[in-house]
N, C-alpha and C. Protein backbone atom coordinates (compact mmCIF):
# COMPACT_ATOMS: atom_id res chain seq x y z
N UNK A 1 75.78 105.28 56.53
CA UNK A 1 75.95 103.84 56.34
C UNK A 1 74.57 103.17 56.27
N UNK A 2 74.37 102.36 55.27
CA UNK A 2 73.08 101.71 55.06
C UNK A 2 72.87 100.60 56.08
N UNK A 3 71.74 100.61 56.75
CA UNK A 3 71.42 99.58 57.73
C UNK A 3 71.00 98.31 57.03
N UNK A 4 71.62 97.16 57.34
CA UNK A 4 71.22 95.91 56.70
C UNK A 4 69.79 95.54 57.04
N UNK A 5 69.15 94.87 56.09
CA UNK A 5 67.75 94.50 56.29
C UNK A 5 67.62 93.49 57.43
N UNK A 6 66.60 93.69 58.25
CA UNK A 6 66.32 92.74 59.32
C UNK A 6 65.75 91.45 58.73
N UNK A 7 65.90 90.31 59.45
CA UNK A 7 65.37 89.05 58.92
C UNK A 7 63.90 89.13 58.55
N UNK A 8 63.08 89.90 59.35
CA UNK A 8 61.66 89.97 59.07
C UNK A 8 61.37 90.73 57.78
N UNK A 9 62.35 91.49 57.26
CA UNK A 9 62.15 92.27 56.05
C UNK A 9 62.61 91.52 54.81
N UNK A 10 63.11 90.32 54.97
CA UNK A 10 63.61 89.56 53.84
C UNK A 10 62.58 88.53 53.40
N UNK A 11 62.48 88.35 52.09
CA UNK A 11 61.60 87.33 51.53
C UNK A 11 62.41 86.49 50.55
N UNK A 12 62.01 85.23 50.42
CA UNK A 12 62.76 84.32 49.55
C UNK A 12 62.31 84.50 48.10
N UNK A 13 63.32 84.71 47.25
CA UNK A 13 63.05 84.87 45.82
C UNK A 13 63.43 83.62 45.04
N UNK A 14 64.55 82.98 45.39
CA UNK A 14 65.00 81.79 44.69
C UNK A 14 65.44 80.73 45.69
N UNK A 15 65.17 79.47 45.37
CA UNK A 15 65.64 78.36 46.19
C UNK A 15 67.09 78.05 45.84
N UNK A 16 67.71 77.19 46.66
CA UNK A 16 69.10 76.79 46.40
C UNK A 16 69.22 76.10 45.04
N UNK A 17 68.24 75.27 44.70
CA UNK A 17 68.28 74.58 43.41
C UNK A 17 68.25 75.57 42.26
N UNK A 18 67.41 76.59 42.34
CA UNK A 18 67.33 77.59 41.28
C UNK A 18 68.62 78.37 41.15
N UNK A 19 69.25 78.67 42.27
CA UNK A 19 70.50 79.43 42.21
C UNK A 19 71.61 78.60 41.56
N UNK A 20 71.66 77.31 41.86
CA UNK A 20 72.68 76.47 41.25
C UNK A 20 72.41 76.24 39.77
N UNK A 21 71.15 76.19 39.37
CA UNK A 21 70.82 76.07 37.95
C UNK A 21 71.34 77.30 37.21
N UNK A 22 71.11 78.48 37.79
CA UNK A 22 71.56 79.72 37.15
C UNK A 22 73.09 79.76 37.07
N UNK A 23 73.77 79.39 38.15
CA UNK A 23 75.22 79.45 38.16
C UNK A 23 75.84 78.47 37.17
N UNK A 24 75.32 77.25 37.14
CA UNK A 24 75.87 76.24 36.24
C UNK A 24 75.61 76.60 34.78
N UNK A 25 74.42 77.06 34.50
CA UNK A 25 74.10 77.48 33.13
C UNK A 25 74.97 78.65 32.72
N UNK A 26 75.16 79.61 33.62
CA UNK A 26 76.01 80.76 33.32
C UNK A 26 77.46 80.33 33.06
N UNK A 27 77.94 79.36 33.83
CA UNK A 27 79.32 78.89 33.64
C UNK A 27 79.48 78.21 32.28
N UNK A 28 78.52 77.37 31.90
CA UNK A 28 78.60 76.69 30.61
C UNK A 28 78.46 77.68 29.46
N UNK A 29 77.51 78.61 29.59
CA UNK A 29 77.32 79.61 28.54
C UNK A 29 78.55 80.49 28.42
N UNK A 30 79.11 80.91 29.55
CA UNK A 30 80.31 81.73 29.52
C UNK A 30 81.49 81.00 28.89
N UNK A 31 81.63 79.71 29.21
CA UNK A 31 82.71 78.92 28.61
C UNK A 31 82.55 78.82 27.10
N UNK A 32 81.32 78.59 26.65
CA UNK A 32 81.06 78.50 25.21
C UNK A 32 81.37 79.82 24.51
N UNK A 33 80.99 80.94 25.12
CA UNK A 33 81.22 82.24 24.50
C UNK A 33 82.71 82.60 24.48
N UNK A 34 83.40 82.33 25.58
CA UNK A 34 84.83 82.67 25.65
C UNK A 34 85.64 81.82 24.66
N UNK A 35 85.36 80.52 24.62
CA UNK A 35 86.09 79.67 23.68
C UNK A 35 85.76 80.04 22.23
N UNK A 36 84.51 80.46 21.99
CA UNK A 36 84.15 80.91 20.64
C UNK A 36 84.96 82.13 20.25
N UNK A 37 85.14 83.07 21.19
CA UNK A 37 85.94 84.26 20.90
C UNK A 37 87.38 83.89 20.57
N UNK A 38 87.95 82.93 21.31
CA UNK A 38 89.32 82.50 21.04
C UNK A 38 89.44 81.74 19.72
N UNK A 39 88.35 81.10 19.30
CA UNK A 39 88.39 80.35 18.05
C UNK A 39 88.24 81.26 16.82
N UNK A 40 87.48 82.35 16.96
CA UNK A 40 87.16 83.17 15.79
C UNK A 40 87.99 84.44 15.68
N UNK A 41 88.62 84.87 16.76
CA UNK A 41 89.45 86.08 16.71
C UNK A 41 90.92 85.69 16.68
N UNK A 42 91.62 85.93 15.57
CA UNK A 42 93.04 85.50 15.43
C UNK A 42 93.93 86.02 16.55
N UNK A 43 93.70 87.27 16.98
CA UNK A 43 94.56 87.84 18.03
C UNK A 43 94.45 87.04 19.32
N UNK A 44 93.23 86.58 19.64
CA UNK A 44 93.05 85.76 20.84
C UNK A 44 93.53 84.34 20.63
N UNK A 45 93.32 83.81 19.42
CA UNK A 45 93.74 82.43 19.14
C UNK A 45 95.23 82.25 19.30
N UNK A 46 96.00 83.28 18.98
CA UNK A 46 97.46 83.18 19.11
C UNK A 46 97.90 83.09 20.56
N UNK A 47 97.08 83.56 21.47
CA UNK A 47 97.45 83.50 22.89
C UNK A 47 97.40 82.08 23.43
N UNK A 48 96.52 81.24 22.88
CA UNK A 48 96.36 79.86 23.35
C UNK A 48 97.09 78.88 22.46
N UNK A 49 96.77 78.93 21.17
CA UNK A 49 97.46 78.06 20.22
C UNK A 49 96.88 76.66 20.10
N UNK A 50 96.35 76.11 21.17
CA UNK A 50 95.83 74.74 21.15
C UNK A 50 94.40 74.74 20.64
N UNK A 51 94.25 74.88 19.34
CA UNK A 51 92.92 75.03 18.75
C UNK A 51 92.06 73.79 18.95
N UNK A 52 92.65 72.62 18.82
CA UNK A 52 91.86 71.39 18.96
C UNK A 52 91.26 71.29 20.37
N UNK A 53 92.01 71.70 21.38
CA UNK A 53 91.49 71.69 22.75
C UNK A 53 90.35 72.69 22.90
N UNK A 54 90.54 73.88 22.32
CA UNK A 54 89.49 74.88 22.39
C UNK A 54 88.21 74.40 21.72
N UNK A 55 88.35 73.74 20.58
CA UNK A 55 87.19 73.22 19.85
C UNK A 55 86.44 72.20 20.72
N UNK A 56 87.20 71.30 21.35
CA UNK A 56 86.57 70.27 22.19
C UNK A 56 85.82 70.88 23.36
N UNK A 57 86.48 71.84 24.05
CA UNK A 57 85.83 72.49 25.19
C UNK A 57 84.59 73.25 24.73
N UNK A 58 84.70 73.94 23.60
CA UNK A 58 83.57 74.71 23.07
C UNK A 58 82.39 73.79 22.73
N UNK A 59 82.68 72.69 22.09
CA UNK A 59 81.61 71.77 21.68
C UNK A 59 80.87 71.21 22.88
N UNK A 60 81.61 70.74 23.87
CA UNK A 60 80.96 70.11 25.01
C UNK A 60 80.27 71.13 25.91
N UNK A 61 80.85 72.32 26.04
CA UNK A 61 80.19 73.36 26.82
C UNK A 61 78.87 73.76 26.17
N UNK A 62 78.89 73.89 24.84
CA UNK A 62 77.68 74.29 24.13
C UNK A 62 76.58 73.26 24.19
N UNK A 63 76.93 71.99 23.99
CA UNK A 63 75.91 70.96 23.92
C UNK A 63 75.33 70.63 25.29
N UNK A 64 76.05 70.98 26.36
CA UNK A 64 75.55 70.68 27.72
C UNK A 64 74.87 71.87 28.39
N UNK A 65 74.73 73.00 27.68
CA UNK A 65 74.07 74.16 28.29
C UNK A 65 72.68 73.83 28.81
N UNK A 66 71.85 73.04 28.09
CA UNK A 66 70.50 72.76 28.61
C UNK A 66 70.46 71.77 29.77
N UNK A 67 71.57 71.10 30.08
CA UNK A 67 71.55 70.04 31.09
C UNK A 67 71.11 70.55 32.47
N UNK A 68 71.66 71.67 32.97
CA UNK A 68 71.20 72.15 34.29
C UNK A 68 69.70 72.44 34.31
N UNK A 69 69.18 73.02 33.25
CA UNK A 69 67.75 73.33 33.19
C UNK A 69 66.92 72.05 33.22
N UNK A 70 67.33 71.06 32.43
CA UNK A 70 66.59 69.80 32.41
C UNK A 70 66.65 69.10 33.76
N UNK A 71 67.84 69.13 34.39
CA UNK A 71 67.96 68.52 35.71
C UNK A 71 67.13 69.27 36.74
N UNK A 72 67.00 70.59 36.55
CA UNK A 72 66.26 71.40 37.50
C UNK A 72 64.76 71.20 37.46
N UNK A 73 64.27 70.48 36.47
CA UNK A 73 62.82 70.24 36.38
C UNK A 73 62.30 69.41 37.54
N UNK A 74 63.20 68.77 38.29
CA UNK A 74 62.75 68.04 39.47
C UNK A 74 62.33 69.00 40.59
N UNK A 75 62.75 70.27 40.48
CA UNK A 75 62.43 71.26 41.50
C UNK A 75 61.06 71.87 41.22
N UNK A 76 60.18 71.79 42.19
CA UNK A 76 58.83 72.36 42.03
C UNK A 76 58.89 73.88 41.89
N UNK A 77 59.76 74.52 42.66
CA UNK A 77 59.88 75.97 42.59
C UNK A 77 60.40 76.41 41.22
N UNK A 78 61.34 75.66 40.66
CA UNK A 78 61.88 76.00 39.34
C UNK A 78 60.81 75.84 38.27
N UNK A 79 60.02 74.78 38.36
CA UNK A 79 58.94 74.61 37.38
C UNK A 79 57.93 75.75 37.48
N UNK A 80 57.67 76.21 38.70
CA UNK A 80 56.74 77.32 38.88
C UNK A 80 57.28 78.60 38.24
N UNK A 81 58.59 78.81 38.37
CA UNK A 81 59.19 80.00 37.76
C UNK A 81 59.19 79.89 36.24
N UNK A 82 59.34 78.69 35.71
CA UNK A 82 59.24 78.53 34.26
C UNK A 82 57.85 78.89 33.76
N UNK A 83 56.83 78.54 34.55
CA UNK A 83 55.46 78.92 34.18
C UNK A 83 55.34 80.44 34.18
N UNK A 84 55.89 81.09 35.19
CA UNK A 84 55.85 82.55 35.24
C UNK A 84 56.53 83.16 34.02
N UNK A 85 57.69 82.65 33.66
CA UNK A 85 58.43 83.19 32.53
C UNK A 85 57.69 83.00 31.21
N UNK A 86 56.88 81.96 31.12
CA UNK A 86 56.18 81.67 29.88
C UNK A 86 54.82 82.35 29.78
N UNK A 87 54.42 83.08 30.81
CA UNK A 87 53.14 83.78 30.78
C UNK A 87 53.37 85.27 30.53
N UNK A 88 52.77 85.77 29.48
CA UNK A 88 52.91 87.18 29.13
C UNK A 88 51.51 87.80 29.17
N UNK A 89 51.23 88.57 30.23
CA UNK A 89 49.90 89.09 30.44
C UNK A 89 49.77 90.58 30.20
N UNK A 90 48.61 91.14 30.49
CA UNK A 90 48.39 92.59 30.29
C UNK A 90 49.37 93.46 31.06
N UNK A 91 49.72 93.07 32.29
CA UNK A 91 50.65 93.91 33.05
C UNK A 91 52.04 93.89 32.42
N UNK A 92 52.40 92.83 31.68
CA UNK A 92 53.68 92.80 30.99
C UNK A 92 53.70 93.77 29.80
N UNK A 93 52.58 93.81 29.06
CA UNK A 93 52.48 94.77 27.97
C UNK A 93 52.51 96.20 28.51
N UNK A 94 51.86 96.40 29.65
CA UNK A 94 51.91 97.72 30.29
C UNK A 94 53.32 98.08 30.73
N UNK A 95 54.06 97.08 31.23
CA UNK A 95 55.44 97.32 31.66
C UNK A 95 56.30 97.74 30.47
N UNK A 96 56.14 97.09 29.32
CA UNK A 96 56.91 97.46 28.14
C UNK A 96 56.59 98.88 27.69
N UNK A 97 55.31 99.22 27.64
CA UNK A 97 54.94 100.58 27.24
C UNK A 97 55.49 101.61 28.21
N UNK A 98 55.38 101.32 29.51
CA UNK A 98 55.87 102.27 30.50
C UNK A 98 57.39 102.40 30.44
N UNK A 99 58.08 101.29 30.21
CA UNK A 99 59.54 101.34 30.15
C UNK A 99 60.01 102.16 28.96
N UNK A 100 59.36 102.01 27.83
CA UNK A 100 59.72 102.80 26.65
C UNK A 100 59.52 104.30 26.91
N UNK A 101 58.58 104.63 27.78
CA UNK A 101 58.33 106.03 28.14
C UNK A 101 59.09 106.44 29.39
N UNK A 102 59.94 105.54 29.89
CA UNK A 102 60.75 105.80 31.10
C UNK A 102 59.87 106.08 32.31
N UNK A 103 58.81 105.27 32.44
CA UNK A 103 57.93 105.40 33.58
C UNK A 103 57.89 104.08 34.34
N UNK A 104 57.71 104.10 35.64
CA UNK A 104 57.61 102.85 36.41
C UNK A 104 56.29 102.15 36.15
N UNK A 105 56.29 100.84 36.29
CA UNK A 105 55.07 100.06 36.12
C UNK A 105 55.20 98.78 36.92
N UNK A 106 54.07 98.28 37.38
CA UNK A 106 54.06 97.07 38.20
C UNK A 106 54.43 95.84 37.37
N UNK A 107 55.06 94.88 38.03
CA UNK A 107 55.37 93.60 37.39
C UNK A 107 55.27 92.49 38.41
N UNK A 108 55.19 91.26 37.91
CA UNK A 108 55.17 90.10 38.79
C UNK A 108 56.59 89.73 39.20
N UNK A 109 56.82 88.47 39.48
CA UNK A 109 58.15 88.05 39.92
C UNK A 109 59.20 88.35 38.86
N UNK A 110 58.82 88.25 37.58
CA UNK A 110 59.71 88.59 36.47
C UNK A 110 59.01 89.65 35.62
N UNK A 111 59.76 90.68 35.25
CA UNK A 111 59.15 91.69 34.39
C UNK A 111 59.20 91.24 32.93
N UNK A 112 58.56 92.03 32.07
CA UNK A 112 58.45 91.63 30.66
C UNK A 112 59.81 91.54 29.99
N UNK A 113 60.74 92.42 30.37
CA UNK A 113 62.08 92.36 29.79
C UNK A 113 62.78 91.06 30.11
N UNK A 114 62.66 90.60 31.35
CA UNK A 114 63.27 89.34 31.75
C UNK A 114 62.62 88.16 31.03
N UNK A 115 61.31 88.24 30.82
CA UNK A 115 60.62 87.17 30.11
C UNK A 115 61.05 87.10 28.65
N UNK A 116 61.19 88.26 28.00
CA UNK A 116 61.62 88.29 26.61
C UNK A 116 63.07 87.80 26.48
N UNK A 117 63.91 88.20 27.41
CA UNK A 117 65.31 87.74 27.40
C UNK A 117 65.38 86.22 27.52
N UNK A 118 64.60 85.66 28.46
CA UNK A 118 64.61 84.21 28.65
C UNK A 118 64.13 83.49 27.40
N UNK A 119 63.09 84.03 26.75
CA UNK A 119 62.55 83.39 25.56
C UNK A 119 63.54 83.43 24.41
N UNK A 120 64.17 84.59 24.18
CA UNK A 120 65.12 84.73 23.07
C UNK A 120 66.34 83.86 23.31
N UNK A 121 66.88 83.88 24.51
CA UNK A 121 68.07 83.09 24.81
C UNK A 121 67.78 81.60 24.69
N UNK A 122 66.62 81.16 25.17
CA UNK A 122 66.27 79.74 25.08
C UNK A 122 66.18 79.29 23.63
N UNK A 123 65.48 80.07 22.80
CA UNK A 123 65.38 79.71 21.39
C UNK A 123 66.72 79.75 20.69
N UNK A 124 67.53 80.77 21.02
CA UNK A 124 68.84 80.89 20.38
C UNK A 124 69.75 79.72 20.75
N UNK A 125 69.69 79.29 22.00
CA UNK A 125 70.54 78.17 22.43
C UNK A 125 70.15 76.89 21.69
N UNK A 126 68.86 76.66 21.50
CA UNK A 126 68.42 75.47 20.76
C UNK A 126 68.92 75.51 19.31
N UNK A 127 68.84 76.69 18.69
CA UNK A 127 69.34 76.82 17.32
C UNK A 127 70.86 76.63 17.28
N UNK A 128 71.55 77.16 18.27
CA UNK A 128 73.01 77.02 18.32
C UNK A 128 73.41 75.56 18.48
N UNK A 129 72.68 74.83 19.30
CA UNK A 129 72.99 73.41 19.47
C UNK A 129 72.74 72.65 18.18
N UNK A 130 71.62 72.94 17.51
CA UNK A 130 71.32 72.26 16.25
C UNK A 130 72.36 72.54 15.17
N UNK A 131 72.69 73.82 14.98
CA UNK A 131 73.69 74.16 13.96
C UNK A 131 75.07 73.67 14.39
N UNK A 132 75.34 73.68 15.69
CA UNK A 132 76.63 73.20 16.17
C UNK A 132 76.81 71.71 15.92
N UNK A 133 75.76 70.94 16.09
CA UNK A 133 75.85 69.50 15.82
C UNK A 133 76.10 69.22 14.34
N UNK A 134 75.49 70.03 13.47
CA UNK A 134 75.76 69.87 12.04
C UNK A 134 77.23 70.13 11.73
N UNK A 135 77.80 71.14 12.38
CA UNK A 135 79.23 71.45 12.18
C UNK A 135 80.12 70.42 12.86
N UNK A 136 79.66 69.84 13.95
CA UNK A 136 80.44 68.85 14.70
C UNK A 136 80.55 67.54 13.92
N UNK A 137 79.47 67.17 13.24
CA UNK A 137 79.45 65.93 12.46
C UNK A 137 79.18 66.26 10.99
N UNK A 138 80.15 66.83 10.30
CA UNK A 138 79.92 67.34 8.94
C UNK A 138 79.58 66.26 7.92
N UNK A 139 79.99 65.04 8.16
CA UNK A 139 79.75 63.98 7.16
C UNK A 139 78.29 63.52 7.13
N UNK A 140 77.51 63.93 8.10
CA UNK A 140 76.12 63.48 8.15
C UNK A 140 75.17 64.38 7.36
N UNK A 141 75.66 65.52 6.88
CA UNK A 141 74.79 66.46 6.17
C UNK A 141 75.47 66.93 4.89
N UNK A 142 74.67 67.36 3.89
CA UNK A 142 75.24 67.87 2.64
C UNK A 142 75.92 69.22 2.85
N UNK A 143 76.67 69.64 1.84
CA UNK A 143 77.47 70.86 1.95
C UNK A 143 76.62 72.09 2.17
N UNK A 144 75.48 72.21 1.49
CA UNK A 144 74.68 73.43 1.62
C UNK A 144 74.13 73.59 3.03
N UNK A 145 73.83 72.47 3.71
CA UNK A 145 73.36 72.56 5.10
C UNK A 145 74.50 72.98 6.02
N UNK A 146 75.70 72.46 5.77
CA UNK A 146 76.84 72.84 6.61
C UNK A 146 77.16 74.31 6.43
N UNK A 147 77.08 74.80 5.20
CA UNK A 147 77.35 76.22 4.94
C UNK A 147 76.34 77.11 5.64
N UNK A 148 75.06 76.76 5.50
CA UNK A 148 74.01 77.53 6.17
C UNK A 148 74.13 77.48 7.68
N UNK A 149 74.46 76.29 8.21
CA UNK A 149 74.59 76.14 9.66
C UNK A 149 75.73 76.99 10.19
N UNK A 150 76.83 77.04 9.45
CA UNK A 150 77.98 77.85 9.89
C UNK A 150 77.61 79.33 9.91
N UNK A 151 76.90 79.79 8.87
CA UNK A 151 76.49 81.19 8.80
C UNK A 151 75.58 81.55 9.97
N UNK A 152 74.56 80.73 10.21
CA UNK A 152 73.62 81.00 11.30
C UNK A 152 74.32 80.93 12.65
N UNK A 153 75.17 79.93 12.81
CA UNK A 153 75.86 79.73 14.09
C UNK A 153 76.73 80.94 14.44
N UNK A 154 77.48 81.43 13.46
CA UNK A 154 78.40 82.54 13.72
C UNK A 154 77.65 83.83 14.08
N UNK A 155 76.62 84.17 13.30
CA UNK A 155 75.92 85.42 13.55
C UNK A 155 75.05 85.35 14.80
N UNK A 156 74.49 84.17 15.06
CA UNK A 156 73.69 84.03 16.27
C UNK A 156 74.57 84.09 17.51
N UNK A 157 75.81 83.63 17.39
CA UNK A 157 76.75 83.73 18.51
C UNK A 157 77.00 85.19 18.87
N UNK A 158 77.10 86.05 17.86
CA UNK A 158 77.27 87.48 18.12
C UNK A 158 76.07 88.07 18.85
N UNK A 159 74.87 87.65 18.43
CA UNK A 159 73.65 88.13 19.09
C UNK A 159 73.61 87.67 20.54
N UNK A 160 73.91 86.39 20.78
CA UNK A 160 73.89 85.88 22.14
C UNK A 160 74.93 86.60 22.99
N UNK A 161 76.11 86.82 22.44
CA UNK A 161 77.14 87.54 23.18
C UNK A 161 76.68 88.93 23.58
N UNK A 162 76.00 89.64 22.66
CA UNK A 162 75.51 90.98 22.96
C UNK A 162 74.43 90.93 24.03
N UNK A 163 73.52 89.94 23.93
CA UNK A 163 72.45 89.83 24.93
C UNK A 163 73.00 89.49 26.31
N UNK A 164 73.97 88.60 26.36
CA UNK A 164 74.56 88.22 27.65
C UNK A 164 75.29 89.41 28.27
N UNK A 165 76.02 90.17 27.44
CA UNK A 165 76.71 91.36 27.96
C UNK A 165 75.70 92.37 28.49
N UNK A 166 74.58 92.54 27.78
CA UNK A 166 73.53 93.44 28.26
C UNK A 166 72.93 92.94 29.56
N UNK A 167 72.75 91.63 29.67
CA UNK A 167 72.21 91.02 30.89
C UNK A 167 73.14 91.29 32.07
N UNK A 168 74.44 91.11 31.85
CA UNK A 168 75.42 91.35 32.91
C UNK A 168 75.46 92.83 33.29
N UNK A 169 75.36 93.70 32.29
CA UNK A 169 75.37 95.14 32.55
C UNK A 169 74.18 95.56 33.39
N UNK A 170 72.99 95.03 33.06
CA UNK A 170 71.80 95.35 33.84
C UNK A 170 71.94 94.83 35.27
N UNK A 171 72.50 93.62 35.42
CA UNK A 171 72.67 93.07 36.76
C UNK A 171 73.67 93.88 37.58
N UNK A 172 74.68 94.44 36.90
CA UNK A 172 75.69 95.22 37.63
C UNK A 172 75.10 96.48 38.24
N UNK A 173 73.95 96.93 37.73
CA UNK A 173 73.32 98.14 38.23
C UNK A 173 72.34 97.87 39.36
N UNK A 174 72.13 96.60 39.70
CA UNK A 174 71.14 96.26 40.73
C UNK A 174 71.75 95.29 41.74
N UNK A 175 72.44 95.81 42.76
CA UNK A 175 73.07 94.92 43.75
C UNK A 175 72.08 94.06 44.52
N UNK A 176 70.85 94.56 44.71
CA UNK A 176 69.86 93.76 45.44
C UNK A 176 69.44 92.54 44.64
N UNK A 177 69.33 92.70 43.32
CA UNK A 177 69.00 91.55 42.48
C UNK A 177 70.13 90.53 42.51
N UNK A 178 71.37 90.99 42.52
CA UNK A 178 72.52 90.06 42.59
C UNK A 178 72.53 89.34 43.93
N UNK A 179 72.16 90.04 44.99
CA UNK A 179 72.08 89.40 46.30
C UNK A 179 71.02 88.30 46.29
N UNK A 180 69.91 88.57 45.59
CA UNK A 180 68.87 87.56 45.50
C UNK A 180 69.34 86.31 44.79
N UNK A 181 70.17 86.47 43.77
CA UNK A 181 70.71 85.31 43.07
C UNK A 181 71.78 84.60 43.89
N UNK A 182 72.48 85.35 44.74
CA UNK A 182 73.55 84.75 45.52
C UNK A 182 73.03 84.06 46.78
N UNK A 183 72.08 84.68 47.46
CA UNK A 183 71.59 84.14 48.72
C UNK A 183 70.17 83.58 48.63
N UNK A 184 69.44 83.98 47.60
CA UNK A 184 68.05 83.56 47.47
C UNK A 184 67.07 84.49 48.15
N UNK A 185 67.57 85.49 48.91
CA UNK A 185 66.72 86.40 49.67
C UNK A 185 66.84 87.83 49.16
N UNK A 186 65.73 88.55 49.16
CA UNK A 186 65.73 89.97 48.80
C UNK A 186 64.94 90.73 49.85
N UNK A 187 65.19 92.01 49.95
CA UNK A 187 64.44 92.82 50.90
C UNK A 187 63.03 93.06 50.37
N UNK A 188 62.10 93.15 51.29
CA UNK A 188 60.72 93.39 50.88
C UNK A 188 60.58 94.76 50.20
N UNK A 189 61.36 95.73 50.65
CA UNK A 189 61.27 97.05 50.04
C UNK A 189 61.71 97.01 48.59
N UNK A 190 62.77 96.24 48.28
CA UNK A 190 63.21 96.10 46.88
C UNK A 190 62.13 95.40 46.05
N UNK A 191 61.56 94.34 46.59
CA UNK A 191 60.51 93.62 45.87
C UNK A 191 59.31 94.53 45.63
N UNK A 192 58.98 95.38 46.61
CA UNK A 192 57.83 96.26 46.45
C UNK A 192 58.09 97.30 45.37
N UNK A 193 59.34 97.75 45.23
CA UNK A 193 59.67 98.74 44.21
C UNK A 193 59.70 98.14 42.81
N UNK A 194 60.26 96.94 42.67
CA UNK A 194 60.52 96.39 41.34
C UNK A 194 59.53 95.31 40.91
N UNK A 195 58.98 94.57 41.86
CA UNK A 195 58.07 93.46 41.52
C UNK A 195 56.89 93.45 42.49
N UNK A 196 56.10 94.53 42.51
CA UNK A 196 55.04 94.66 43.53
C UNK A 196 53.95 93.60 43.44
N UNK A 197 53.62 93.12 42.25
CA UNK A 197 52.59 92.09 42.15
C UNK A 197 53.04 90.80 42.81
N UNK A 198 54.32 90.49 42.70
CA UNK A 198 54.87 89.30 43.35
C UNK A 198 55.03 89.54 44.84
N UNK A 199 55.49 90.71 45.22
CA UNK A 199 55.69 91.02 46.63
C UNK A 199 54.38 90.95 47.40
N UNK A 200 53.29 91.38 46.75
CA UNK A 200 52.00 91.34 47.41
C UNK A 200 51.52 89.95 47.72
N UNK A 201 52.09 88.93 47.05
CA UNK A 201 51.70 87.54 47.29
C UNK A 201 52.47 86.91 48.44
N UNK A 202 53.56 87.58 48.89
CA UNK A 202 54.41 86.99 49.90
C UNK A 202 53.89 87.31 51.30
N UNK A 203 53.77 86.32 52.17
CA UNK A 203 53.27 86.57 53.52
C UNK A 203 54.28 87.36 54.35
N UNK A 204 53.80 88.13 55.28
CA UNK A 204 54.68 88.89 56.15
C UNK A 204 53.95 90.06 56.78
N UNK A 205 54.58 90.64 57.79
CA UNK A 205 53.96 91.74 58.52
C UNK A 205 53.83 93.00 57.67
N UNK A 206 54.75 93.16 56.69
CA UNK A 206 54.79 94.40 55.94
C UNK A 206 54.02 94.30 54.63
N UNK A 207 53.28 93.23 54.44
CA UNK A 207 52.56 93.05 53.18
C UNK A 207 51.45 94.09 53.05
N UNK A 208 51.46 94.90 51.97
CA UNK A 208 50.40 95.89 51.78
C UNK A 208 49.11 95.22 51.34
N UNK A 209 48.01 95.88 51.60
CA UNK A 209 46.72 95.35 51.16
C UNK A 209 46.56 95.60 49.67
N UNK A 210 46.52 94.55 48.82
CA UNK A 210 46.44 94.75 47.38
C UNK A 210 45.05 95.19 46.97
N UNK A 211 45.01 95.93 45.87
CA UNK A 211 43.73 96.34 45.33
C UNK A 211 43.10 95.18 44.59
N UNK A 212 41.79 95.30 44.33
CA UNK A 212 41.09 94.23 43.62
C UNK A 212 41.67 94.03 42.23
N UNK A 213 42.07 95.13 41.57
CA UNK A 213 42.63 95.01 40.23
C UNK A 213 43.96 94.29 40.22
N UNK A 214 44.82 94.59 41.21
CA UNK A 214 46.12 93.92 41.24
C UNK A 214 45.98 92.45 41.56
N UNK A 215 45.02 92.10 42.44
CA UNK A 215 44.81 90.69 42.76
C UNK A 215 44.33 89.94 41.53
N UNK A 216 43.38 90.55 40.80
CA UNK A 216 42.85 89.89 39.61
C UNK A 216 43.94 89.74 38.55
N UNK A 217 44.77 90.77 38.36
CA UNK A 217 45.84 90.69 37.36
C UNK A 217 46.85 89.62 37.73
N UNK A 218 47.22 89.58 39.01
CA UNK A 218 48.20 88.58 39.43
C UNK A 218 47.65 87.18 39.27
N UNK A 219 46.39 86.99 39.59
CA UNK A 219 45.80 85.65 39.50
C UNK A 219 45.70 85.19 38.06
N UNK A 220 45.46 86.12 37.15
CA UNK A 220 45.28 85.73 35.75
C UNK A 220 46.60 85.52 35.03
N UNK A 221 47.64 86.23 35.46
CA UNK A 221 48.86 86.25 34.67
C UNK A 221 50.08 85.72 35.39
N UNK A 222 49.95 85.31 36.62
CA UNK A 222 51.10 84.81 37.36
C UNK A 222 50.62 83.66 38.23
N UNK A 223 51.56 82.91 38.76
CA UNK A 223 51.21 81.82 39.65
C UNK A 223 51.74 82.13 41.03
N UNK A 224 51.17 81.56 42.02
CA UNK A 224 51.57 81.83 43.39
C UNK A 224 52.89 81.20 43.72
N UNK A 225 53.53 81.59 44.85
CA UNK A 225 54.81 81.03 45.24
C UNK A 225 54.69 79.56 45.62
N UNK A 226 55.63 78.78 45.13
CA UNK A 226 55.66 77.36 45.47
C UNK A 226 57.00 77.03 46.09
N UNK A 227 57.03 76.03 46.93
CA UNK A 227 58.28 75.65 47.57
C UNK A 227 59.14 74.84 46.62
């Protein structure tokens, strides 16, 4: 039986505000994807039948996806994590090379894969909102724009669905990461295994002495923990 981590072995990974931003965004994104599936797959559409209701729910879920993120900008910790996600440094390139070779490599609070996922999803959501608004108000644009918007919207929805499914699959393989999203706390041993550059910045009795190279890399490519 696995012994639960003692309080002294736990470090905070996410604040309550960050956890609620993730949950609310996931709920809106999930609603948009599920309603899209019911709208585009005839077999699923027959189960509901109320297409106009599905369209309304889909439209509002999609257009409000960025709202939790925008509201979360009042959180200092969330803004700090956005800075981390937007910084791609030498250790991130090393992480990608090592991952392709199936070798472990150090990373900060977010690894390069998580940073790329966040960037692609953010850009895709903006494009989906833009093309969705063109489809929502068809009289405001010419036919060729509506046709192009529909094509981009449909195929990009498939890409987003695949990325989200991959994201969920990866999360299903890491119970400690899910615990961090649920409670905000992770064990120091997990952080040391998966995000050692970030773990080395966290105060505590078990903090290892970082090398000069790791300190310099962390300082150049990541930001320190903020409340």
